[in-house]
C-alpha atoms as a PDB file:
ATOM      1  CA  UNK A   1      42.043 160.746  87.460  1.00  0.00           C
ATOM      2  CA  UNK A   2      43.921 157.867  89.128  1.00  0.00           C
ATOM      3  CA  UNK A   3      43.661 155.719  86.001  1.00  0.00           C
ATOM      4  CA  UNK A   4      44.864 158.579  83.779  1.00  0.00           C
ATOM      5  CA  UNK A   5      47.859 159.099  86.067  1.00  0.00           C
ATOM      6  CA  UNK A   6      48.577 155.376  85.916  1.00  0.00           C
ATOM      7  CA  UNK A   7      48.496 155.433  82.106  1.00  0.00           C
ATOM      8  CA  UNK A   8      50.879 158.397  81.974  1.00  0.00           C
ATOM      9  CA  UNK A   9      53.287 156.834  84.462  1.00  0.00           C
ATOM     10  CA  UNK A  10      53.097 153.515  82.623  1.00  0.00           C
ATOM     11  CA  UNK A  11      54.131 155.175  79.368  1.00  0.00           C
ATOM     12  CA  UNK A  12      57.038 156.888  81.094  1.00  0.00           C
ATOM     13  CA  UNK A  13      58.000 153.696  82.898  1.00  0.00           C
ATOM     14  CA  UNK A  14      58.012 151.521  79.774  1.00  0.00           C
ATOM     15  CA  UNK A  15      59.768 154.158  77.694  1.00  0.00           C
ATOM     16  CA  UNK A  16      62.492 154.442  80.322  1.00  0.00           C
ATOM     17  CA  UNK A  17      62.956 150.676  80.342  1.00  0.00           C
ATOM     18  CA  UNK A  18      63.251 150.384  76.580  1.00  0.00           C
ATOM     19  CA  UNK A  19      65.428 153.428  76.040  1.00  0.00           C
ATOM     20  CA  UNK A  20      67.798 152.315  78.781  1.00  0.00           C
ATOM     21  CA  UNK A  21      68.155 148.947  77.076  1.00  0.00           C
ATOM     22  CA  UNK A  22      66.964 146.879  80.014  1.00  0.00           C
ATOM     23  CA  UNK A  23      64.658 144.739  77.844  1.00  0.00           C
ATOM     24  CA  UNK A  24      64.434 143.654  74.221  1.00  0.00           C
ATOM     25  CA  UNK A  25      61.413 145.872  73.509  1.00  0.00           C
ATOM     26  CA  UNK A  26      59.002 143.032  72.749  1.00  0.00           C
ATOM     27  CA  UNK A  27      57.956 141.620  76.126  1.00  0.00           C
ATOM     28  CA  UNK A  28      57.647 142.904  79.681  1.00  0.00           C
ATOM     29  CA  UNK A  29      56.728 141.085  82.893  1.00  0.00           C
ATOM     30  CA  UNK A  30      54.764 143.142  85.405  1.00  0.00           C
ATOM     31  CA  UNK A  31      54.980 141.780  88.949  1.00  0.00           C
ATOM     32  CA  UNK A  32      51.902 143.029  90.779  1.00  0.00           C
ATOM     33  CA  UNK A  33      49.757 142.517  93.857  1.00  0.00           C
ATOM     34  CA  UNK A  34      47.019 139.943  94.118  1.00  0.00           C
ATOM     35  CA  UNK A  35      43.861 141.936  93.419  1.00  0.00           C
ATOM     36  CA  UNK A  36      45.172 144.021  90.504  1.00  0.00           C
ATOM     37  CA  UNK A  37      44.524 141.325  87.873  1.00  0.00           C
ATOM     38  CA  UNK A  38      41.402 142.884  86.401  1.00  0.00           C
ATOM     39  CA  UNK A  39      42.875 146.390  86.430  1.00  0.00           C
ATOM     40  CA  UNK A  40      45.871 145.453  84.293  1.00  0.00           C
ATOM     41  CA  UNK A  41      43.879 143.008  82.172  1.00  0.00           C
ATOM     42  CA  UNK A  42      41.816 146.046  81.157  1.00  0.00           C
ATOM     43  CA  UNK A  43      44.752 148.450  80.788  1.00  0.00           C
ATOM     44  CA  UNK A  44      47.308 146.277  78.996  1.00  0.00           C
ATOM     45  CA  UNK A  45      45.607 145.766  75.578  1.00  0.00           C
ATOM     46  CA  UNK A  46      44.932 149.474  74.855  1.00  0.00           C
ATOM     47  CA  UNK A  47      48.370 150.333  76.208  1.00  0.00           C
ATOM     48  CA  UNK A  48      50.011 147.822  73.849  1.00  0.00           C
ATOM     49  CA  UNK A  49      48.006 149.251  70.940  1.00  0.00           C
ATOM     50  CA  UNK A  50      48.993 152.807  71.822  1.00  0.00           C
ATOM     51  CA  UNK A  51      52.638 151.782  72.130  1.00  0.00           C
ATOM     52  CA  UNK A  52      52.625 150.227  68.648  1.00  0.00           C
ATOM     53  CA  UNK A  53      50.926 153.318  67.210  1.00  0.00           C
ATOM     54  CA  UNK A  54      53.467 155.674  68.769  1.00  0.00           C
ATOM     55  CA  UNK A  55      56.515 153.536  67.953  1.00  0.00           C
ATOM     56  CA  UNK A  56      56.225 152.598  64.294  1.00  0.00           C
ATOM     57  CA  UNK A  57      54.372 149.347  64.781  1.00  0.00           C
ATOM     58  CA  UNK A  58      56.796 148.007  67.407  1.00  0.00           C
ATOM     59  CA  UNK A  59      54.927 145.152  69.093  1.00  0.00           C
ATOM     60  CA  UNK A  60      54.955 145.113  72.884  1.00  0.00           C
ATOM     61  CA  UNK A  61      53.508 142.264  74.962  1.00  0.00           C
ATOM     62  CA  UNK A  62      52.929 142.746  78.683  1.00  0.00           C
ATOM     63  CA  UNK A  63      52.709 139.629  80.839  1.00  0.00           C
ATOM     64  CA  UNK A  64      51.455 139.542  84.418  1.00  0.00           C
ATOM     65  CA  UNK A  65      52.497 137.852  87.664  1.00  0.00           C
ATOM     66  CA  UNK A  66      50.207 138.209  90.692  1.00  0.00           C
ATOM     67  CA  UNK A  67      50.355 137.295  94.386  1.00  0.00           C
ATOM     68  CA  UNK A  68      50.466 139.083  97.721  1.00  0.00           C
ATOM     69  CA  UNK A  69      52.587 142.214  97.324  1.00  0.00           C
ATOM     70  CA  UNK A  70      55.257 141.164  99.841  1.00  0.00           C
ATOM     71  CA  UNK A  71      55.324 137.651  98.408  1.00  0.00           C
ATOM     72  CA  UNK A  72      55.923 139.094  94.932  1.00  0.00           C
ATOM     73  CA  UNK A  73      58.825 141.235  96.148  1.00  0.00           C
ATOM     74  CA  UNK A  74      60.378 138.185  97.798  1.00  0.00           C
ATOM     75  CA  UNK A  75      59.990 136.204  94.560  1.00  0.00           C
ATOM     76  CA  UNK A  76      62.002 138.846  92.697  1.00  0.00           C
ATOM     77  CA  UNK A  77      64.724 138.752  95.342  1.00  0.00           C
ATOM     78  CA  UNK A  78      64.762 134.974  94.883  1.00  0.00           C
ATOM     79  CA  UNK A  79      65.141 135.202  91.108  1.00  0.00           C
ATOM     80  CA  UNK A  80      61.858 136.107  89.396  1.00  0.00           C
ATOM     81  CA  UNK A  81      62.870 138.165  86.341  1.00  0.00           C
ATOM     82  CA  UNK A  82      60.338 141.001  86.411  1.00  0.00           C
ATOM     83  CA  UNK A  83      60.786 144.180  84.380  1.00  0.00           C
ATOM     84  CA  UNK A  84      58.158 146.267  86.138  1.00  0.00           C
ATOM     85  CA  UNK A  85      56.716 146.190  89.655  1.00  0.00           C
ATOM     86  CA  UNK A  86      53.311 147.648  90.533  1.00  0.00           C
ATOM     87  CA  UNK A  87      52.801 146.983  94.224  1.00  0.00           C
ATOM     88  CA  UNK A  88      50.427 148.282  96.870  1.00  0.00           C
ATOM     89  CA  UNK A  89      52.945 149.514  99.417  1.00  0.00           C
ATOM     90  CA  UNK A  90      56.234 151.368  99.235  1.00  0.00           C
ATOM     91  CA  UNK A  91      58.095 148.930 101.494  1.00  0.00           C
ATOM     92  CA  UNK A  92      57.701 146.115  98.966  1.00  0.00           C
ATOM     93  CA  UNK A  93      59.409 148.210  96.299  1.00  0.00           C
ATOM     94  CA  UNK A  94      62.006 149.608  98.696  1.00  0.00           C
ATOM     95  CA  UNK A  95      63.146 146.119  99.681  1.00  0.00           C
ATOM     96  CA  UNK A  96      64.269 145.559  96.082  1.00  0.00           C
ATOM     97  CA  UNK A  97      66.887 148.222  96.781  1.00  0.00           C
ATOM     98  CA  UNK A  98      67.591 147.387 100.417  1.00  0.00           C
ATOM     99  CA  UNK A  99      68.012 143.624  99.964  1.00  0.00           C
ATOM    100  CA  UNK A 100      68.896 143.214  96.302  1.00  0.00           C
ATOM    101  CA  UNK A 101      70.174 146.546  94.948  1.00  0.00           C
ATOM    102  CA  UNK A 102      67.874 145.935  91.969  1.00  0.00           C
ATOM    103  CA  UNK A 103      66.686 149.548  91.914  1.00  0.00           C
ATOM    104  CA  UNK A 104      68.419 152.777  93.027  1.00  0.00           C
ATOM    105  CA  UNK A 105      67.809 154.436  96.381  1.00  0.00           C
ATOM    106  CA  UNK A 106      66.042 157.346  94.666  1.00  0.00           C
ATOM    107  CA  UNK A 107      63.573 155.180  92.721  1.00  0.00           C
ATOM    108  CA  UNK A 108      60.582 157.231  93.939  1.00  0.00           C
ATOM    109  CA  UNK A 109      61.897 160.367  92.252  1.00  0.00           C
ATOM    110  CA  UNK A 110      62.092 158.771  88.793  1.00  0.00           C
ATOM    111  CA  UNK A 111      58.369 159.143  88.041  1.00  0.00           C
ATOM    112  CA  UNK A 112      55.752 161.797  88.890  1.00  0.00           C
ATOM    113  CA  UNK A 113      53.709 161.676  92.106  1.00  0.00           C
ATOM    114  CA  UNK A 114      56.557 159.956  93.971  1.00  0.00           C
ATOM    115  CA  UNK A 115      56.037 156.994  91.621  1.00  0.00           C
ATOM    116  CA  UNK A 116      52.554 156.378  93.064  1.00  0.00           C
ATOM    117  CA  UNK A 117      50.117 157.121  90.208  1.00  0.00           C
ATOM    118  CA  UNK A 118      47.006 155.508  91.672  1.00  0.00           C
ATOM    119  CA  UNK A 119      45.442 154.901  95.066  1.00  0.00           C
ATOM    120  CA  UNK A 120      42.483 153.538  97.016  1.00  0.00           C
ATOM    121  CA  UNK A 121      41.224 153.244 100.592  1.00  0.00           C
ATOM    122  CA  UNK A 122      39.690 150.437 102.650  1.00  0.00           C
ATOM    123  CA  UNK A 123      36.141 149.111 102.349  1.00  0.00           C
ATOM    124  CA  UNK A 124      33.996 146.416 103.953  1.00  0.00           C
ATOM    125  CA  UNK A 125      32.012 143.872 101.960  1.00  0.00           C
ATOM    126  CA  UNK A 126      29.050 142.491 103.899  1.00  0.00           C
ATOM    127  CA  UNK A 127      26.423 139.926 103.054  1.00  0.00           C
ATOM    128  CA  UNK A 128      23.017 140.731 101.569  1.00  0.00           C
ATOM    129  CA  UNK A 129      20.950 143.005 103.785  1.00  0.00           C
ATOM    130  CA  UNK A 130      23.929 143.657 106.088  1.00  0.00           C
ATOM    131  CA  UNK A 131      22.606 141.132 108.655  1.00  0.00           C
ATOM    132  CA  UNK A 132      25.266 141.964 111.258  1.00  0.00           C
ATOM    133  CA  UNK A 133      24.548 145.707 110.960  1.00  0.00           C
ATOM    134  CA  UNK A 134      28.138 146.633 110.114  1.00  0.00           C
ATOM    135  CA  UNK A 135      28.810 150.369 109.693  1.00  0.00           C
ATOM    136  CA  UNK A 136      32.247 151.192 111.098  1.00  0.00           C
ATOM    137  CA  UNK A 137      35.425 149.742 112.596  1.00  0.00           C
ATOM    138  CA  UNK A 138      33.975 149.432 116.110  1.00  0.00           C
ATOM    139  CA  UNK A 139      31.418 146.934 114.775  1.00  0.00           C
ATOM    140  CA  UNK A 140      34.241 144.605 113.727  1.00  0.00           C
ATOM    141  CA  UNK A 141      35.337 143.795 117.292  1.00  0.00           C
ATOM    142  CA  UNK A 142      31.958 142.488 118.434  1.00  0.00           C
ATOM    143  CA  UNK A 143      31.977 138.863 119.557  1.00  0.00           C
ATOM    144  CA  UNK A 144      29.348 137.891 116.965  1.00  0.00           C
ATOM    145  CA  UNK A 145      31.337 139.174 113.955  1.00  0.00           C
ATOM    146  CA  UNK A 146      33.854 137.115 111.958  1.00  0.00           C
ATOM    147  CA  UNK A 147      36.326 138.843 109.639  1.00  0.00           C
ATOM    148  CA  UNK A 148      38.122 137.835 106.468  1.00  0.00           C
ATOM    149  CA  UNK A 149      41.249 139.603 105.199  1.00  0.00           C
ATOM    150  CA  UNK A 150      44.707 138.410 104.116  1.00  0.00           C
ATOM    151  CA  UNK A 151      47.747 137.782 106.285  1.00  0.00           C
ATOM    152  CA  UNK A 152      49.658 141.027 107.025  1.00  0.00           C
ATOM    153  CA  UNK A 153      52.911 139.063 106.755  1.00  0.00           C
ATOM    154  CA  UNK A 154      52.379 138.456 103.033  1.00  0.00           C
ATOM    155  CA  UNK A 155      49.836 141.045 101.887  1.00  0.00           C
ATOM    156  CA  UNK A 156      50.088 144.815 101.574  1.00  0.00           C
ATOM    157  CA  UNK A 157      46.302 144.851 101.417  1.00  0.00           C
ATOM    158  CA  UNK A 158      46.226 143.379 104.925  1.00  0.00           C
ATOM    159  CA  UNK A 159      48.821 145.817 106.267  1.00  0.00           C
ATOM    160  CA  UNK A 160      46.684 148.720 105.138  1.00  0.00           C
ATOM    161  CA  UNK A 161      43.728 147.019 106.842  1.00  0.00           C
ATOM    162  CA  UNK A 162      45.717 146.769 110.070  1.00  0.00           C
ATOM    163  CA  UNK A 163      46.905 150.386 109.879  1.00  0.00           C
ATOM    164  CA  UNK A 164      43.420 151.689 109.064  1.00  0.00           C
ATOM    165  CA  UNK A 165      41.915 149.769 111.989  1.00  0.00           C
ATOM    166  CA  UNK A 166      44.651 151.031 114.325  1.00  0.00           C
ATOM    167  CA  UNK A 167      44.133 154.616 113.167  1.00  0.00           C
ATOM    168  CA  UNK A 168      40.378 154.406 113.669  1.00  0.00           C
ATOM    169  CA  UNK A 169      40.771 152.936 117.159  1.00  0.00           C
ATOM    170  CA  UNK A 170      43.428 155.490 118.098  1.00  0.00           C
ATOM    171  CA  UNK A 171      41.144 158.327 117.020  1.00  0.00           C
ATOM    172  CA  UNK A 172      38.128 156.881 118.832  1.00  0.00           C
ATOM    173  CA  UNK A 173      40.123 156.295 122.028  1.00  0.00           C
ATOM    174  CA  UNK A 174      41.726 159.731 122.041  1.00  0.00           C
ATOM    175  CA  UNK A 175      45.224 158.374 121.615  1.00  0.00           C
ATOM    176  CA  UNK A 176      45.013 155.930 124.541  1.00  0.00           C
ATOM    177  CA  UNK A 177      47.544 153.307 123.434  1.00  0.00           C
ATOM    178  CA  UNK A 178      46.376 150.641 125.885  1.00  0.00           C
ATOM    179  CA  UNK A 179      42.789 150.879 124.634  1.00  0.00           C
ATOM    180  CA  UNK A 180      43.939 150.826 121.003  1.00  0.00           C
ATOM    181  CA  UNK A 181      46.025 147.705 121.625  1.00  0.00           C
ATOM    182  CA  UNK A 182      43.036 146.062 123.312  1.00  0.00           C
ATOM    183  CA  UNK A 183      40.907 146.917 120.270  1.00  0.00           C
ATOM    184  CA  UNK A 184      43.495 145.460 117.891  1.00  0.00           C
ATOM    185  CA  UNK A 185      43.819 142.260 119.916  1.00  0.00           C
ATOM    186  CA  UNK A 186      40.088 141.619 119.598  1.00  0.00           C
ATOM    187  CA  UNK A 187      40.117 142.740 115.953  1.00  0.00           C
ATOM    188  CA  UNK A 188      42.706 140.091 115.074  1.00  0.00           C
ATOM    189  CA  UNK A 189      40.961 137.438 117.187  1.00  0.00           C
ATOM    190  CA  UNK A 190      37.845 137.954 115.067  1.00  0.00           C
ATOM    191  CA  UNK A 191      39.652 136.977 111.854  1.00  0.00           C
ATOM    192  CA  UNK A 192      38.307 133.581 110.791  1.00  0.00           C
ATOM    193  CA  UNK A 193      40.849 132.900 108.011  1.00  0.00           C
ATOM    194  CA  UNK A 194      44.182 134.527 107.100  1.00  0.00           C
ATOM    195  CA  UNK A 195      44.772 133.868 103.393  1.00  0.00           C
ATOM    196  CA  UNK A 196      48.136 134.753 101.833  1.00  0.00           C
ATOM    197  CA  UNK A 197      46.641 137.291  99.413  1.00  0.00           C
ATOM    198  CA  UNK A 198      43.566 139.340  98.641  1.00  0.00           C
ATOM    199  CA  UNK A 199      42.255 137.025  95.944  1.00  0.00           C
ATOM    200  CA  UNK A 200      42.345 134.049  98.301  1.00  0.00           C
ATOM    201  CA  UNK A 201      40.438 136.085 100.885  1.00  0.00           C
ATOM    202  CA  UNK A 202      37.795 136.882  98.270  1.00  0.00           C
ATOM    203  CA  UNK A 203      37.374 133.185  97.488  1.00  0.00           C
ATOM    204  CA  UNK A 204      37.070 132.369 101.185  1.00  0.00           C
ATOM    205  CA  UNK A 205      34.344 134.959 101.693  1.00  0.00           C
ATOM    206  CA  UNK A 206      32.409 134.797  98.432  1.00  0.00           C
ATOM    207  CA  UNK A 207      32.718 131.135  97.437  1.00  0.00           C
ATOM    208  CA  UNK A 208      33.363 129.268 100.681  1.00  0.00           C
ATOM    209  CA  UNK A 209      30.844 131.400 102.556  1.00  0.00           C
ATOM    210  CA  UNK A 210      33.077 132.083 105.554  1.00  0.00           C
ATOM    211  CA  UNK A 211      33.060 135.310 107.544  1.00  0.00           C
ATOM    212  CA  UNK A 212      30.619 138.175 107.972  1.00  0.00           C
ATOM    213  CA  UNK A 213      32.870 140.942 106.617  1.00  0.00           C
ATOM    214  CA  UNK A 214      35.568 140.945 103.936  1.00  0.00           C
ATOM    215  CA  UNK A 215      38.003 143.863 104.249  1.00  0.00           C
ATOM    216  CA  UNK A 216      39.879 144.976 101.151  1.00  0.00           C
ATOM    217  CA  UNK A 217      40.621 148.023  99.026  1.00  0.00           C
ATOM    218  CA  UNK A 218      37.509 150.036  98.147  1.00  0.00           C
ATOM    219  CA  UNK A 219      38.139 149.436  94.448  1.00  0.00           C
ATOM    220  CA  UNK A 220      38.329 145.693  95.062  1.00  0.00           C
ATOM    221  CA  UNK A 221      35.198 145.330  97.205  1.00  0.00           C
ATOM    222  CA  UNK A 222      33.213 147.177  94.544  1.00  0.00           C
ATOM    223  CA  UNK A 223      34.586 144.815  91.889  1.00  0.00           C
ATOM    224  CA  UNK A 224      33.664 141.800  94.026  1.00  0.00           C
ATOM    225  CA  UNK A 225      30.141 143.131  94.540  1.00  0.00           C
ATOM    226  CA  UNK A 226      29.717 143.366  90.766  1.00  0.00           C
ATOM    227  CA  UNK A 227      31.352 140.001  90.089  1.00  0.00           C
ATOM    228  CA  UNK A 228      29.096 138.197  92.583  1.00  0.00           C
ATOM    229  CA  UNK A 229      26.014 140.297  91.896  1.00  0.00           C
ATOM    230  CA  UNK A 230      23.664 137.359  92.457  1.00  0.00           C
ATOM    231  CA  UNK A 231      24.768 137.107  96.094  1.00  0.00           C
ATOM    232  CA  UNK A 232      23.704 140.667  96.856  1.00  0.00           C
ATOM    233  CA  UNK A 233      26.841 141.730  98.705  1.00  0.00           C
ATOM    234  CA  UNK A 234      26.867 145.314  99.983  1.00  0.00           C
ATOM    235  CA  UNK A 235      29.768 147.763 100.339  1.00  0.00           C
ATOM    236  CA  UNK A 236      30.334 149.757 103.519  1.00  0.00           C
ATOM    237  CA  UNK A 237      32.980 152.506 103.672  1.00  0.00           C
ATOM    238  CA  UNK A 238      34.055 153.335 107.251  1.00  0.00           C
ATOM    239  CA  UNK A 239      34.131 156.956 108.421  1.00  0.00           C
ATOM    240  CA  UNK A 240      37.797 156.892 109.443  1.00  0.00           C
ATOM    241  CA  UNK A 241      40.080 155.494 106.787  1.00  0.00           C
ATOM    242  CA  UNK A 242      43.534 155.447 105.223  1.00  0.00           C
ATOM    243  CA  UNK A 243      44.974 156.591 101.894  1.00  0.00           C
ATOM    244  CA  UNK A 244      46.608 153.609 100.190  1.00  0.00           C
ATOM    245  CA  UNK A 245      49.041 154.868  97.538  1.00  0.00           C
ATOM    246  CA  UNK A 246      50.289 152.249  95.075  1.00  0.00           C
ATOM    247  CA  UNK A 247      53.932 152.589  93.917  1.00  0.00           C
ATOM    248  CA  UNK A 248      55.396 151.511  90.575  1.00  0.00           C
ATOM    249  CA  UNK A 249      58.988 151.100  89.381  1.00  0.00           C
ATOM    250  CA  UNK A 250      61.083 149.458  86.717  1.00  0.00           C
ATOM    251  CA  UNK A 251      63.691 146.905  87.793  1.00  0.00           C
ATOM    252  CA  UNK A 252      67.193 147.949  86.752  1.00  0.00           C
ATOM    253  CA  UNK A 253      69.040 144.655  87.221  1.00  0.00           C
END
């Protein structure tokens, strides 16, 4: 369902761009978050074919730019000429209005589902056989566990990780703020490497062999498990989690 919603919103988004005259109808640049490469690599070709079929053979080419979501938004504010943004948190789209006036204040109302056509949640990727016996968030603050996830300053992926961990601790501690803060302090201390984006974190965990647990979107950890099938990684979905809704918008200026 999420992919179908994304396709429908993408058609509406591109049509709005072209009809409004913001681009020359032949090429679009999609500025997106770090771990969405494979998603759009799969979606773009059939979308381009469908566009040509529905528009009298008009050829459309979609190009991609990927990095941490917040880093991508900053790049646009600094001059990157993107036509479309597909980020993983609302704040990174909102800043295009707040800091650059590149989109209107009501950008979320321009597409269905508050301009968030797809979503995920957080998952853990552990090594073969789950040697550290990782099952939920409380296992991630043990002294013998090392974590890998991106830097929350540059990655929406990491901010969702932080919020999900906070929510789980808050629920477990019955709303005791002091205990939740203590949990989060240890949680962050257990991070072995803070990469700038999700793809860098994947490389650190899967190729450099660092860390016991990689935390990322559920869709991403399942992709990594398949990509590195020979390593036997396993996916663990924690009991308490967060809904990560991914916003899209076209850039008006």
